[in-house]
């Protein structure tokens, strides 16, 4: 699981590098923000992939890794923005999949993951 965390970090770095290359070429050739050509579309596809797909996958793997090590959810994510239901459901589903995939037991962790995320809400209501 730690290898996957590092792979996703490297992927984000590589995509950011490619975005920088495209932006620097556009500074010479024209404005990337107002010129909807092929290069700017490529830039936006890379940016979207990095800021949505890779970021959500990295967040899910970090949460699953913390869950497997029995780290409280609130310790991993102290502050979070209001949750987009679609993205949040995808992340929770992925955490459940990863927890089940990387566990050493035959037990399914779906309910335990739900309780782990819900414990955060219970702690907030107490405080």
Protein backbone atom coordinates (compact mmCIF):
# COMPACT_ATOMS: atom_id res chain seq x y z
CA UNK A 1 0.00 0.00 0.00
CA UNK A 2 2.91 2.36 0.75
CA UNK A 3 4.21 1.78 -2.78
CA UNK A 4 0.89 2.92 -4.23
CA UNK A 5 1.04 6.09 -2.10
CA UNK A 6 4.47 6.89 -3.54
CA UNK A 7 3.37 6.04 -7.09
CA UNK A 8 0.48 8.50 -6.87
CA UNK A 9 2.76 11.21 -5.48
CA UNK A 10 5.18 10.68 -8.37
CA UNK A 11 2.32 10.74 -10.88
CA UNK A 12 1.11 14.09 -9.53
CA UNK A 13 4.65 15.51 -9.73
CA UNK A 14 5.08 14.30 -13.29
CA UNK A 15 1.73 15.74 -14.38
CA UNK A 16 2.60 19.06 -12.73
CA UNK A 17 5.89 19.08 -14.65
CA UNK A 18 4.07 18.46 -17.94
CA UNK A 19 1.63 21.26 -17.13
CA UNK A 20 4.56 23.60 -16.52
CA UNK A 21 6.12 22.66 -19.85
CA UNK A 22 2.87 23.40 -21.69
CA UNK A 23 2.41 26.71 -19.83
CA UNK A 24 5.96 27.84 -20.57
CA UNK A 25 5.53 27.09 -24.28
CA UNK A 26 2.29 29.08 -24.29
CA UNK A 27 3.95 32.07 -22.67
CA UNK A 28 6.10 32.28 -25.76
CA UNK A 29 3.38 31.40 -28.27
CA UNK A 30 0.35 33.07 -26.72
CA UNK A 31 -2.06 33.04 -23.80
CA UNK A 32 -3.06 29.58 -22.50
CA UNK A 33 -6.10 30.92 -20.69
CA UNK A 34 -7.86 32.56 -23.62
CA UNK A 35 -6.63 30.53 -26.59
CA UNK A 36 -8.60 27.27 -26.90
CA UNK A 37 -6.12 25.38 -29.05
CA UNK A 38 -4.91 21.79 -28.80
CA UNK A 39 -2.09 22.56 -26.34
CA UNK A 40 -4.36 24.41 -23.92
CA UNK A 41 -6.88 21.56 -24.07
CA UNK A 42 -4.06 19.15 -23.29
CA UNK A 43 -3.09 21.36 -20.34
CA UNK A 44 -6.64 21.37 -18.95
CA UNK A 45 -7.00 17.60 -19.39
CA UNK A 46 -3.79 17.08 -17.41
CA UNK A 47 -4.83 19.57 -14.75
CA UNK A 48 -8.26 17.94 -14.40
CA UNK A 49 -6.74 14.46 -14.17
CA UNK A 50 -4.29 15.60 -11.47
CA UNK A 51 -6.73 17.65 -9.40
CA UNK A 52 -9.60 15.16 -9.49
CA UNK A 53 -8.61 11.59 -10.34
CA UNK A 54 -5.08 11.45 -8.91
CA UNK A 55 -5.90 13.60 -5.89
CA UNK A 56 -8.97 11.53 -4.99
CA UNK A 57 -7.05 8.27 -5.45
CA UNK A 58 -4.21 9.56 -3.26
CA UNK A 59 -6.66 10.69 -0.60
CA UNK A 60 -8.44 7.33 -0.64
CA UNK A 61 -5.20 5.35 -0.35
CA UNK A 62 -4.00 7.58 2.52
CA UNK A 63 -7.31 7.13 4.34
CA UNK A 64 -7.27 3.36 3.79
CA UNK A 65 -3.67 3.20 5.01
CA UNK A 66 -4.64 5.15 8.14
CA UNK A 67 -7.67 2.93 8.68
CA UNK A 68 -5.52 -0.21 8.43
CA UNK A 69 -3.06 1.25 10.98
CA UNK A 70 -5.97 2.18 13.29
CA UNK A 71 -5.29 5.93 13.12
CA UNK A 72 -8.38 8.03 13.92
CA UNK A 73 -9.89 9.70 10.86
CA UNK A 74 -9.75 13.17 12.41
CA UNK A 75 -6.00 12.76 12.93
CA UNK A 76 -5.51 12.15 9.20
CA UNK A 77 -7.79 14.96 8.02
CA UNK A 78 -8.01 17.67 10.66
CA UNK A 79 -9.84 20.09 8.43
CA UNK A 80 -11.88 19.27 5.37
CA UNK A 81 -13.90 21.40 3.03
CA UNK A 82 -17.62 20.71 2.66
CA UNK A 83 -17.91 17.34 1.02
CA UNK A 84 -19.04 17.03 -2.57
CA UNK A 85 -21.37 13.98 -2.24
CA UNK A 86 -20.29 12.42 -5.53
CA UNK A 87 -16.56 12.67 -4.88
CA UNK A 88 -16.95 11.73 -1.19
CA UNK A 89 -18.94 8.58 -2.04
CA UNK A 90 -16.27 7.57 -4.56
CA UNK A 91 -13.56 8.05 -1.93
CA UNK A 92 -15.44 6.05 0.73
CA UNK A 93 -16.08 3.26 -1.78
CA UNK A 94 -12.39 3.20 -2.71
CA UNK A 95 -11.30 3.15 0.97
CA UNK A 96 -13.56 0.14 1.54
CA UNK A 97 -12.16 -1.60 -1.54
CA UNK A 98 -8.56 -0.96 -0.51
CA UNK A 99 -9.13 -1.98 3.11
CA UNK A 100 -10.62 -5.28 1.96
CA UNK A 101 -7.91 -5.80 -0.64
CA UNK A 102 -4.90 -5.18 1.59
CA UNK A 103 -6.15 -6.79 4.79
CA UNK A 104 -4.59 -10.05 5.93
CA UNK A 105 -7.89 -11.50 7.08
CA UNK A 106 -10.97 -12.79 5.33
CA UNK A 107 -13.12 -10.26 7.19
CA UNK A 108 -14.92 -7.59 5.16
CA UNK A 109 -14.26 -4.10 6.52
CA UNK A 110 -17.20 -2.25 4.92
CA UNK A 111 -19.06 -1.63 8.19
CA UNK A 112 -15.85 -0.87 10.08
CA UNK A 113 -14.92 1.81 7.55
CA UNK A 114 -18.38 3.38 7.90
CA UNK A 115 -17.99 3.40 11.69
CA UNK A 116 -14.46 4.85 11.35
CA UNK A 117 -15.76 7.76 9.25
CA UNK A 118 -18.83 8.19 11.49
CA UNK A 119 -16.70 8.37 14.65
CA UNK A 120 -15.51 11.73 13.39
CA UNK A 121 -19.06 13.07 13.39
CA UNK A 122 -19.74 11.65 16.86
CA UNK A 123 -16.58 13.36 18.20
CA UNK A 124 -17.66 16.69 16.68
CA UNK A 125 -21.10 16.45 18.32
CA UNK A 126 -19.52 15.80 21.75
CA UNK A 127 -17.11 18.77 21.47
